[in-house]
Amino acid sequence: MANEKSYYMTQEGKDKLIEELEHLKTVKRPEVVERIKIARDFGDLSENSEYDAAKDEQAFVESRITQVENMIRNAEIIENNGGDQGVVTLGKTVVFQELPDGDEEEYTIVGSAEADPFEGKISNDSPIAKSLMGCKIDEEVKVPTPAGDMHVKIVEVK
């Protein structure tokens, strides 16, 4: 495991993962253990769907704990110290305008660990972010999408 993947995230994103890990270990894990204990009391385990469901949930919880611990251990915090004003980089918020119709969209480019498009946070691995990274205000950029190329103009970088 010498070449483990780095997870780029903000300090806020890392704090949320630490919170989730604590919840999984102190709340979810004991709940699942209790469900398994109750399901065992139902009798024959070979035909016990409650037991099977509880064991499946236990596997999911343990897998998620391992995944979150790995993400925290390999976290690289994005420092948005204002360098390169006007240039799209990881951790910055970019406002762009779709061409030619003029619809504006705003996204913060974050690491994949904390990406949430519904909250305006897109992964640095997404096609939009990859196309915008390193570009400047007023630059026109071609973004490949499954429906064909989208042309955008960068309006603001914060």
N, C-alpha and C. Protein backbone atom coordinates (compact mmCIF):
# COMPACT_ATOMS: atom_id res chain seq x y z
N MET A 1 0.82 -1.20 0.00
CA MET A 1 0.00 0.00 0.00
C MET A 1 0.86 1.26 0.00
N ALA A 2 2.00 1.19 -0.60
CA ALA A 2 2.90 2.34 -0.62
C ALA A 2 2.36 3.47 -1.49
N ASN A 3 1.56 3.15 -2.50
CA ASN A 3 1.03 4.16 -3.41
C ASN A 3 -0.45 4.40 -3.17
N GLU A 4 -0.81 4.78 -1.95
CA GLU A 4 -2.22 5.02 -1.66
C GLU A 4 -2.65 6.34 -2.28
N LYS A 5 -3.90 6.39 -2.69
CA LYS A 5 -4.47 7.57 -3.33
C LYS A 5 -4.61 8.71 -2.33
N SER A 6 -4.31 9.92 -2.77
CA SER A 6 -4.54 11.11 -1.96
C SER A 6 -5.96 11.57 -2.19
N TYR A 7 -6.58 12.06 -1.13
CA TYR A 7 -7.94 12.60 -1.22
C TYR A 7 -7.87 14.09 -0.94
N TYR A 8 -8.08 14.88 -1.98
CA TYR A 8 -8.07 16.32 -1.82
C TYR A 8 -9.39 16.77 -1.22
N MET A 9 -9.30 17.60 -0.19
CA MET A 9 -10.51 18.10 0.47
C MET A 9 -10.21 19.35 1.26
N THR A 10 -11.27 20.07 1.56
CA THR A 10 -11.13 21.24 2.42
C THR A 10 -11.08 20.75 3.86
N GLN A 11 -10.69 21.62 4.76
CA GLN A 11 -10.69 21.26 6.18
C GLN A 11 -12.11 20.93 6.62
N GLU A 12 -13.09 21.66 6.09
CA GLU A 12 -14.49 21.40 6.40
C GLU A 12 -14.89 19.98 5.96
N GLY A 13 -14.43 19.57 4.78
CA GLY A 13 -14.72 18.23 4.29
C GLY A 13 -14.10 17.16 5.18
N LYS A 14 -12.87 17.39 5.63
CA LYS A 14 -12.22 16.43 6.52
C LYS A 14 -12.95 16.35 7.86
N ASP A 15 -13.37 17.51 8.36
CA ASP A 15 -14.12 17.52 9.63
C ASP A 15 -15.42 16.73 9.52
N LYS A 16 -16.10 16.83 8.36
CA LYS A 16 -17.34 16.06 8.15
C LYS A 16 -17.04 14.56 8.13
N LEU A 17 -15.92 14.17 7.52
CA LEU A 17 -15.56 12.75 7.51
C LEU A 17 -15.25 12.25 8.91
N ILE A 18 -14.56 13.06 9.70
CA ILE A 18 -14.25 12.68 11.08
C ILE A 18 -15.55 12.51 11.87
N GLU A 19 -16.50 13.41 11.65
CA GLU A 19 -17.82 13.32 12.29
C GLU A 19 -18.55 12.04 11.87
N GLU A 20 -18.52 11.75 10.56
CA GLU A 20 -19.18 10.54 10.06
C GLU A 20 -18.55 9.29 10.66
N LEU A 21 -17.22 9.26 10.75
CA LEU A 21 -16.52 8.11 11.32
C LEU A 21 -16.93 7.90 12.78
N GLU A 22 -16.99 8.97 13.52
CA GLU A 22 -17.40 8.89 14.92
C GLU A 22 -18.82 8.33 15.04
N HIS A 23 -19.72 8.80 14.17
CA HIS A 23 -21.11 8.32 14.17
C HIS A 23 -21.18 6.84 13.82
N LEU A 24 -20.41 6.43 12.81
CA LEU A 24 -20.41 5.02 12.41
C LEU A 24 -19.92 4.12 13.54
N LYS A 25 -18.88 4.56 14.24
CA LYS A 25 -18.29 3.73 15.29
C LYS A 25 -19.11 3.72 16.58
N THR A 26 -19.69 4.86 16.92
CA THR A 26 -20.37 4.95 18.22
C THR A 26 -21.88 4.72 18.15
N VAL A 27 -22.49 4.89 16.97
CA VAL A 27 -23.94 4.74 16.86
C VAL A 27 -24.31 3.57 15.94
N LYS A 28 -23.87 3.62 14.69
CA LYS A 28 -24.29 2.61 13.71
C LYS A 28 -23.78 1.21 14.05
N ARG A 29 -22.50 1.10 14.39
CA ARG A 29 -21.92 -0.21 14.69
C ARG A 29 -22.65 -0.89 15.84
N PRO A 30 -22.87 -0.21 16.99
CA PRO A 30 -23.61 -0.86 18.08
C PRO A 30 -25.06 -1.20 17.70
N GLU A 31 -25.71 -0.34 16.88
CA GLU A 31 -27.08 -0.63 16.43
C GLU A 31 -27.12 -1.94 15.64
N VAL A 32 -26.17 -2.12 14.74
CA VAL A 32 -26.13 -3.31 13.90
C VAL A 32 -25.84 -4.55 14.75
N VAL A 33 -24.92 -4.43 15.70
CA VAL A 33 -24.61 -5.56 16.59
C VAL A 33 -25.87 -5.97 17.35
N GLU A 34 -26.63 -5.00 17.80
CA GLU A 34 -27.87 -5.29 18.53
C GLU A 34 -28.88 -5.97 17.61
N ARG A 35 -28.99 -5.50 16.36
CA ARG A 35 -29.91 -6.14 15.40
C ARG A 35 -29.52 -7.59 15.15
N ILE A 36 -28.24 -7.87 15.06
CA ILE A 36 -27.76 -9.25 14.85
C ILE A 36 -28.13 -10.10 16.06
N LYS A 37 -27.92 -9.55 17.25
CA LYS A 37 -28.22 -10.28 18.48
C LYS A 37 -29.72 -10.63 18.55
N ILE A 38 -30.57 -9.68 18.21
CA ILE A 38 -32.02 -9.91 18.23
C ILE A 38 -32.40 -10.94 17.16
N ALA A 39 -31.82 -10.81 15.98
CA ALA A 39 -32.14 -11.73 14.88
C ALA A 39 -31.73 -13.16 15.20
N ARG A 40 -30.64 -13.33 15.94
CA ARG A 40 -30.20 -14.67 16.34
C ARG A 40 -31.27 -15.38 17.17
N ASP A 41 -31.97 -14.59 17.96
CA ASP A 41 -33.00 -15.16 18.85
C ASP A 41 -34.22 -15.67 18.09
N PHE A 42 -34.31 -15.34 16.78
CA PHE A 42 -35.45 -15.80 15.99
C PHE A 42 -35.31 -17.26 15.59
N GLY A 43 -34.18 -17.87 15.85
CA GLY A 43 -34.03 -19.30 15.57
C GLY A 43 -33.09 -19.60 14.43
N ASP A 44 -33.44 -20.57 13.63
CA ASP A 44 -32.63 -21.12 12.55
C ASP A 44 -32.04 -20.02 11.67
N LEU A 45 -30.72 -19.88 11.69
CA LEU A 45 -30.05 -18.81 10.95
C LEU A 45 -30.05 -19.04 9.44
N SER A 46 -30.22 -20.29 9.00
CA SER A 46 -30.18 -20.57 7.57
C SER A 46 -31.41 -20.01 6.84
N GLU A 47 -32.50 -19.79 7.55
CA GLU A 47 -33.71 -19.24 6.93
C GLU A 47 -34.16 -17.95 7.61
N ASN A 48 -33.21 -17.21 8.15
CA ASN A 48 -33.52 -16.03 8.94
C ASN A 48 -33.16 -14.77 8.13
N SER A 49 -34.15 -14.17 7.49
CA SER A 49 -33.89 -13.01 6.64
C SER A 49 -33.46 -11.79 7.46
N GLU A 50 -33.96 -11.65 8.68
CA GLU A 50 -33.55 -10.53 9.53
C GLU A 50 -32.06 -10.62 9.85
N TYR A 51 -31.60 -11.84 10.12
CA TYR A 51 -30.19 -12.06 10.42
C TYR A 51 -29.34 -11.74 9.19
N ASP A 52 -29.77 -12.22 8.02
CA ASP A 52 -29.03 -11.95 6.78
C ASP A 52 -28.95 -10.45 6.50
N ALA A 53 -30.06 -9.75 6.67
CA ALA A 53 -30.09 -8.30 6.44
C ALA A 53 -29.16 -7.57 7.41
N ALA A 54 -29.18 -7.99 8.67
CA ALA A 54 -28.32 -7.36 9.67
C ALA A 54 -26.85 -7.61 9.37
N LYS A 55 -26.52 -8.82 8.94
CA LYS A 55 -25.13 -9.14 8.59
C LYS A 55 -24.68 -8.32 7.36
N ASP A 56 -25.59 -8.15 6.39
CA ASP A 56 -25.27 -7.33 5.21
C ASP A 56 -25.01 -5.89 5.62
N GLU A 57 -25.84 -5.38 6.52
CA GLU A 57 -25.66 -4.00 6.99
C GLU A 57 -24.35 -3.88 7.76
N GLN A 58 -24.03 -4.90 8.54
CA GLN A 58 -22.77 -4.88 9.28
C GLN A 58 -21.58 -4.81 8.32
N ALA A 59 -21.64 -5.58 7.25
CA ALA A 59 -20.56 -5.57 6.26
C ALA A 59 -20.44 -4.18 5.62
N PHE A 60 -21.60 -3.56 5.33
CA PHE A 60 -21.59 -2.23 4.74
C PHE A 60 -20.97 -1.21 5.70
N VAL A 61 -21.38 -1.24 6.97
CA VAL A 61 -20.88 -0.29 7.97
C VAL A 61 -19.37 -0.46 8.14
N GLU A 62 -18.92 -1.71 8.26
CA GLU A 62 -17.48 -1.95 8.45
C GLU A 62 -16.68 -1.50 7.23
N SER A 63 -17.24 -1.72 6.04
CA SER A 63 -16.58 -1.28 4.81
C SER A 63 -16.48 0.25 4.76
N ARG A 64 -17.56 0.91 5.13
CA ARG A 64 -17.56 2.38 5.12
C ARG A 64 -16.58 2.93 6.16
N ILE A 65 -16.50 2.30 7.32
CA ILE A 65 -15.54 2.73 8.35
C ILE A 65 -14.12 2.66 7.79
N THR A 66 -13.79 1.55 7.14
CA THR A 66 -12.46 1.37 6.55
C THR A 66 -12.20 2.43 5.49
N GLN A 67 -13.20 2.68 4.64
CA GLN A 67 -13.07 3.66 3.58
C GLN A 67 -12.85 5.07 4.15
N VAL A 68 -13.64 5.45 5.14
CA VAL A 68 -13.53 6.80 5.73
C VAL A 68 -12.19 6.96 6.44
N GLU A 69 -11.75 5.92 7.17
CA GLU A 69 -10.45 5.99 7.84
C GLU A 69 -9.33 6.19 6.82
N ASN A 70 -9.41 5.50 5.69
CA ASN A 70 -8.41 5.63 4.63
C ASN A 70 -8.43 7.04 4.05
N MET A 71 -9.62 7.59 3.83
CA MET A 71 -9.74 8.94 3.28
C MET A 71 -9.16 9.97 4.23
N ILE A 72 -9.42 9.81 5.52
CA ILE A 72 -8.89 10.75 6.51
C ILE A 72 -7.37 10.63 6.58
N ARG A 73 -6.87 9.41 6.60
CA ARG A 73 -5.43 9.16 6.70
C ARG A 73 -4.69 9.74 5.49
N ASN A 74 -5.30 9.70 4.30
CA ASN A 74 -4.65 10.17 3.08
C ASN A 74 -5.18 11.52 2.60
N ALA A 75 -5.79 12.26 3.50
CA ALA A 75 -6.35 13.57 3.14
C ALA A 75 -5.24 14.57 2.86
N GLU A 76 -5.42 15.32 1.79
CA GLU A 76 -4.56 16.47 1.50
C GLU A 76 -5.46 17.69 1.51
N ILE A 77 -5.23 18.54 2.49
CA ILE A 77 -6.10 19.70 2.69
C ILE A 77 -5.80 20.76 1.63
N ILE A 78 -6.87 21.24 1.02
CA ILE A 78 -6.78 22.30 0.02
C ILE A 78 -6.69 23.62 0.77
N GLU A 79 -5.61 24.31 0.57
CA GLU A 79 -5.43 25.63 1.17
C GLU A 79 -5.78 26.66 0.13
N ASN A 80 -6.88 27.37 0.33
CA ASN A 80 -7.26 28.41 -0.62
C ASN A 80 -6.78 29.74 -0.05
N ASN A 81 -5.51 30.02 -0.28
CA ASN A 81 -4.90 31.22 0.31
C ASN A 81 -4.95 32.43 -0.63
N GLY A 82 -5.75 32.33 -1.66
CA GLY A 82 -5.94 33.48 -2.55
C GLY A 82 -4.89 33.63 -3.63
N GLY A 83 -3.90 32.76 -3.68
CA GLY A 83 -2.88 32.85 -4.73
C GLY A 83 -3.52 32.67 -6.09
N ASP A 84 -2.88 33.19 -7.11
CA ASP A 84 -3.38 33.09 -8.48
C ASP A 84 -4.82 33.61 -8.60
N GLN A 85 -5.03 34.84 -8.19
CA GLN A 85 -6.35 35.45 -8.32
C GLN A 85 -6.83 35.37 -9.77
N GLY A 86 -8.05 34.96 -9.96
CA GLY A 86 -8.60 34.92 -11.30
C GLY A 86 -8.29 33.65 -12.07
N VAL A 87 -7.58 32.70 -11.46
CA VAL A 87 -7.25 31.44 -12.11
C VAL A 87 -8.02 30.32 -11.40
N VAL A 88 -8.67 29.45 -12.16
CA VAL A 88 -9.45 28.35 -11.58
C VAL A 88 -8.48 27.28 -11.07
N THR A 89 -8.56 27.02 -9.76
CA THR A 89 -7.76 25.98 -9.14
C THR A 89 -8.62 25.23 -8.13
N LEU A 90 -8.09 24.14 -7.63
CA LEU A 90 -8.77 23.33 -6.63
C LEU A 90 -9.08 24.19 -5.40
N GLY A 91 -10.31 24.11 -4.93
CA GLY A 91 -10.72 24.87 -3.75
C GLY A 91 -11.38 26.20 -4.06
N LYS A 92 -11.32 26.63 -5.30
CA LYS A 92 -11.93 27.92 -5.66
C LYS A 92 -13.33 27.72 -6.22
N THR A 93 -14.10 28.78 -6.14
CA THR A 93 -15.44 28.79 -6.71
C THR A 93 -15.37 29.51 -8.05
N VAL A 94 -15.97 28.91 -9.06
CA VAL A 94 -15.93 29.48 -10.40
C VAL A 94 -17.36 29.71 -10.88
N VAL A 95 -17.58 30.89 -11.44
CA VAL A 95 -18.86 31.21 -12.07
C VAL A 95 -18.60 31.26 -13.56
N PHE A 96 -19.39 30.49 -14.31
CA PHE A 96 -19.22 30.51 -15.76
C PHE A 96 -20.57 30.66 -16.43
N GLN A 97 -20.52 31.15 -17.66
CA GLN A 97 -21.72 31.42 -18.42
C GLN A 97 -21.73 30.50 -19.63
N GLU A 98 -22.82 29.77 -19.79
CA GLU A 98 -22.94 28.91 -20.96
C GLU A 98 -23.12 29.78 -22.20
N LEU A 99 -22.42 29.42 -23.24
CA LEU A 99 -22.53 30.15 -24.50
C LEU A 99 -23.38 29.33 -25.47
N PRO A 100 -24.21 29.87 -26.26
CA PRO A 100 -24.48 31.29 -26.44
C PRO A 100 -25.65 31.81 -25.60
N ASP A 101 -26.39 30.94 -24.91
CA ASP A 101 -27.64 31.39 -24.28
C ASP A 101 -27.48 32.16 -22.98
N GLY A 102 -26.32 32.11 -22.36
CA GLY A 102 -26.07 32.98 -21.23
C GLY A 102 -26.44 32.47 -19.86
N ASP A 103 -26.84 31.21 -19.69
CA ASP A 103 -27.14 30.69 -18.35
C ASP A 103 -25.86 30.64 -17.53
N GLU A 104 -25.91 31.18 -16.30
CA GLU A 104 -24.73 31.16 -15.43
C GLU A 104 -24.84 30.01 -14.44
N GLU A 105 -23.70 29.40 -14.16
CA GLU A 105 -23.63 28.34 -13.16
C GLU A 105 -22.44 28.64 -12.26
N GLU A 106 -22.55 28.22 -11.00
CA GLU A 106 -21.48 28.45 -10.03
C GLU A 106 -21.16 27.15 -9.31
N TYR A 107 -19.88 26.78 -9.28
CA TYR A 107 -19.44 25.56 -8.61
C TYR A 107 -18.14 25.82 -7.86
N THR A 108 -17.98 25.12 -6.76
CA THR A 108 -16.71 25.08 -6.05
C THR A 108 -16.03 23.78 -6.43
N ILE A 109 -14.78 23.86 -6.82
CA ILE A 109 -14.05 22.66 -7.23
C ILE A 109 -13.35 22.08 -6.00
N VAL A 110 -13.74 20.86 -5.66
CA VAL A 110 -13.22 20.18 -4.47
C VAL A 110 -12.72 18.80 -4.87
N GLY A 111 -12.11 18.11 -3.94
CA GLY A 111 -11.69 16.74 -4.19
C GLY A 111 -12.89 15.82 -4.26
N SER A 112 -12.69 14.64 -4.84
CA SER A 112 -13.80 13.71 -5.03
C SER A 112 -14.44 13.26 -3.72
N ALA A 113 -13.69 13.30 -2.62
CA ALA A 113 -14.21 12.85 -1.33
C ALA A 113 -15.37 13.72 -0.83
N GLU A 114 -15.40 14.98 -1.21
CA GLU A 114 -16.47 15.84 -0.71
C GLU A 114 -17.33 16.45 -1.81
N ALA A 115 -17.24 15.92 -3.01
CA ALA A 115 -18.05 16.42 -4.11
C ALA A 115 -19.53 16.19 -3.83
N ASP A 116 -20.34 17.20 -4.10
CA ASP A 116 -21.79 17.12 -3.95
C ASP A 116 -22.40 18.14 -4.91
N PRO A 117 -22.70 17.71 -6.14
CA PRO A 117 -23.21 18.66 -7.14
C PRO A 117 -24.47 19.39 -6.69
N PHE A 118 -25.29 18.77 -5.85
CA PHE A 118 -26.52 19.43 -5.38
C PHE A 118 -26.20 20.59 -4.46
N GLU A 119 -25.00 20.62 -3.89
CA GLU A 119 -24.58 21.73 -3.03
C GLU A 119 -23.57 22.62 -3.76
N GLY A 120 -23.42 22.42 -5.07
CA GLY A 120 -22.54 23.27 -5.86
C GLY A 120 -21.07 22.91 -5.71
N LYS A 121 -20.77 21.68 -5.27
CA LYS A 121 -19.38 21.23 -5.13
C LYS A 121 -19.13 20.11 -6.13
N ILE A 122 -18.21 20.37 -7.08
CA ILE A 122 -17.92 19.34 -8.08
C ILE A 122 -16.49 18.82 -7.90
N SER A 123 -16.32 17.56 -8.25
CA SER A 123 -15.03 16.90 -8.12
C SER A 123 -14.02 17.44 -9.12
N ASN A 124 -12.78 17.53 -8.67
CA ASN A 124 -11.71 17.95 -9.57
C ASN A 124 -11.49 16.92 -10.69
N ASP A 125 -12.08 15.72 -10.55
CA ASP A 125 -11.99 14.69 -11.58
C ASP A 125 -13.12 14.77 -12.60
N SER A 126 -14.11 15.66 -12.38
CA SER A 126 -15.24 15.77 -13.29
C SER A 126 -14.81 16.45 -14.59
N PRO A 127 -15.52 16.16 -15.69
CA PRO A 127 -15.16 16.79 -16.97
C PRO A 127 -15.20 18.32 -16.92
N ILE A 128 -16.18 18.87 -16.20
CA ILE A 128 -16.27 20.34 -16.12
C ILE A 128 -15.04 20.90 -15.41
N ALA A 129 -14.71 20.34 -14.24
CA ALA A 129 -13.57 20.84 -13.48
C ALA A 129 -12.27 20.66 -14.24
N LYS A 130 -12.10 19.50 -14.86
CA LYS A 130 -10.86 19.26 -15.63
C LYS A 130 -10.70 20.29 -16.74
N SER A 131 -11.80 20.66 -17.37
CA SER A 131 -11.75 21.64 -18.47
C SER A 131 -11.45 23.05 -17.95
N LEU A 132 -11.96 23.37 -16.76
CA LEU A 132 -11.83 24.73 -16.24
C LEU A 132 -10.52 24.99 -15.50
N MET A 133 -9.90 23.93 -14.95
CA MET A 133 -8.69 24.10 -14.14
C MET A 133 -7.60 24.82 -14.93
N GLY A 134 -7.02 25.83 -14.30
CA GLY A 134 -5.94 26.59 -14.92
C GLY A 134 -6.39 27.71 -15.83
N CYS A 135 -7.69 27.80 -16.07
CA CYS A 135 -8.21 28.86 -16.95
C CYS A 135 -8.45 30.14 -16.15
N LYS A 136 -8.57 31.25 -16.88
CA LYS A 136 -8.71 32.57 -16.25
C LYS A 136 -10.05 33.21 -16.58
N ILE A 137 -10.36 34.27 -15.84
CA ILE A 137 -11.57 35.06 -16.08
C ILE A 137 -11.58 35.54 -17.53
N ASP A 138 -12.76 35.52 -18.14
CA ASP A 138 -13.02 35.92 -19.53
C ASP A 138 -12.54 34.91 -20.57
N GLU A 139 -11.96 33.80 -20.12
CA GLU A 139 -11.51 32.77 -21.06
C GLU A 139 -12.70 31.91 -21.47
N GLU A 140 -12.75 31.55 -22.75
CA GLU A 140 -13.79 30.65 -23.25
C GLU A 140 -13.22 29.24 -23.28
N VAL A 141 -14.04 28.29 -22.77
CA VAL A 141 -13.56 26.92 -22.59
C VAL A 141 -14.56 25.94 -23.19
N LYS A 142 -14.05 24.89 -23.82
CA LYS A 142 -14.89 23.82 -24.34
C LYS A 142 -14.91 22.70 -23.30
N VAL A 143 -16.13 22.31 -22.87
CA VAL A 143 -16.30 21.26 -21.87
C VAL A 143 -16.98 20.07 -22.54
N PRO A 144 -16.29 18.91 -22.60
CA PRO A 144 -16.92 17.73 -23.19
C PRO A 144 -18.00 17.16 -22.28
N THR A 145 -19.16 16.89 -22.84
CA THR A 145 -20.25 16.26 -22.08
C THR A 145 -20.80 15.11 -22.92
N PRO A 146 -21.53 14.18 -22.29
CA PRO A 146 -22.11 13.07 -23.06
C PRO A 146 -23.04 13.54 -24.18
N ALA A 147 -23.66 14.71 -24.00
CA ALA A 147 -24.59 15.23 -25.01
C ALA A 147 -23.89 16.09 -26.06
N GLY A 148 -22.57 16.16 -26.00
CA GLY A 148 -21.82 17.00 -26.93
C GLY A 148 -21.09 18.10 -26.18
N ASP A 149 -20.21 18.78 -26.86
CA ASP A 149 -19.41 19.82 -26.22
C ASP A 149 -20.26 21.01 -25.79
N MET A 150 -19.94 21.52 -24.60
CA MET A 150 -20.59 22.71 -24.07
C MET A 150 -19.52 23.81 -24.06
N HIS A 151 -19.87 24.99 -24.53
CA HIS A 151 -18.92 26.10 -24.54
C HIS A 151 -19.32 27.07 -23.43
N VAL A 152 -18.32 27.45 -22.61
CA VAL A 152 -18.59 28.33 -21.48
C VAL A 152 -17.56 29.46 -21.46
N LYS A 153 -17.93 30.53 -20.79
CA LYS A 153 -17.02 31.66 -20.58
C LYS A 153 -16.93 31.86 -19.07
N ILE A 154 -15.71 31.92 -18.56
CA ILE A 154 -15.50 32.10 -17.12
C ILE A 154 -15.78 33.56 -16.78
N VAL A 155 -16.72 33.77 -15.85
CA VAL A 155 -17.14 35.11 -15.47
C VAL A 155 -16.42 35.58 -14.21
N GLU A 156 -16.25 34.67 -13.25
CA GLU A 156 -15.68 35.06 -11.96
C GLU A 156 -15.00 33.86 -11.31
N VAL A 157 -13.92 34.12 -10.58
CA VAL A 157 -13.23 33.10 -9.80
C VAL A 157 -13.06 33.67 -8.39
N LYS A 158 -13.58 32.95 -7.40
CA LYS A 158 -13.49 33.44 -6.03
C LYS A 158 -12.78 32.43 -5.15
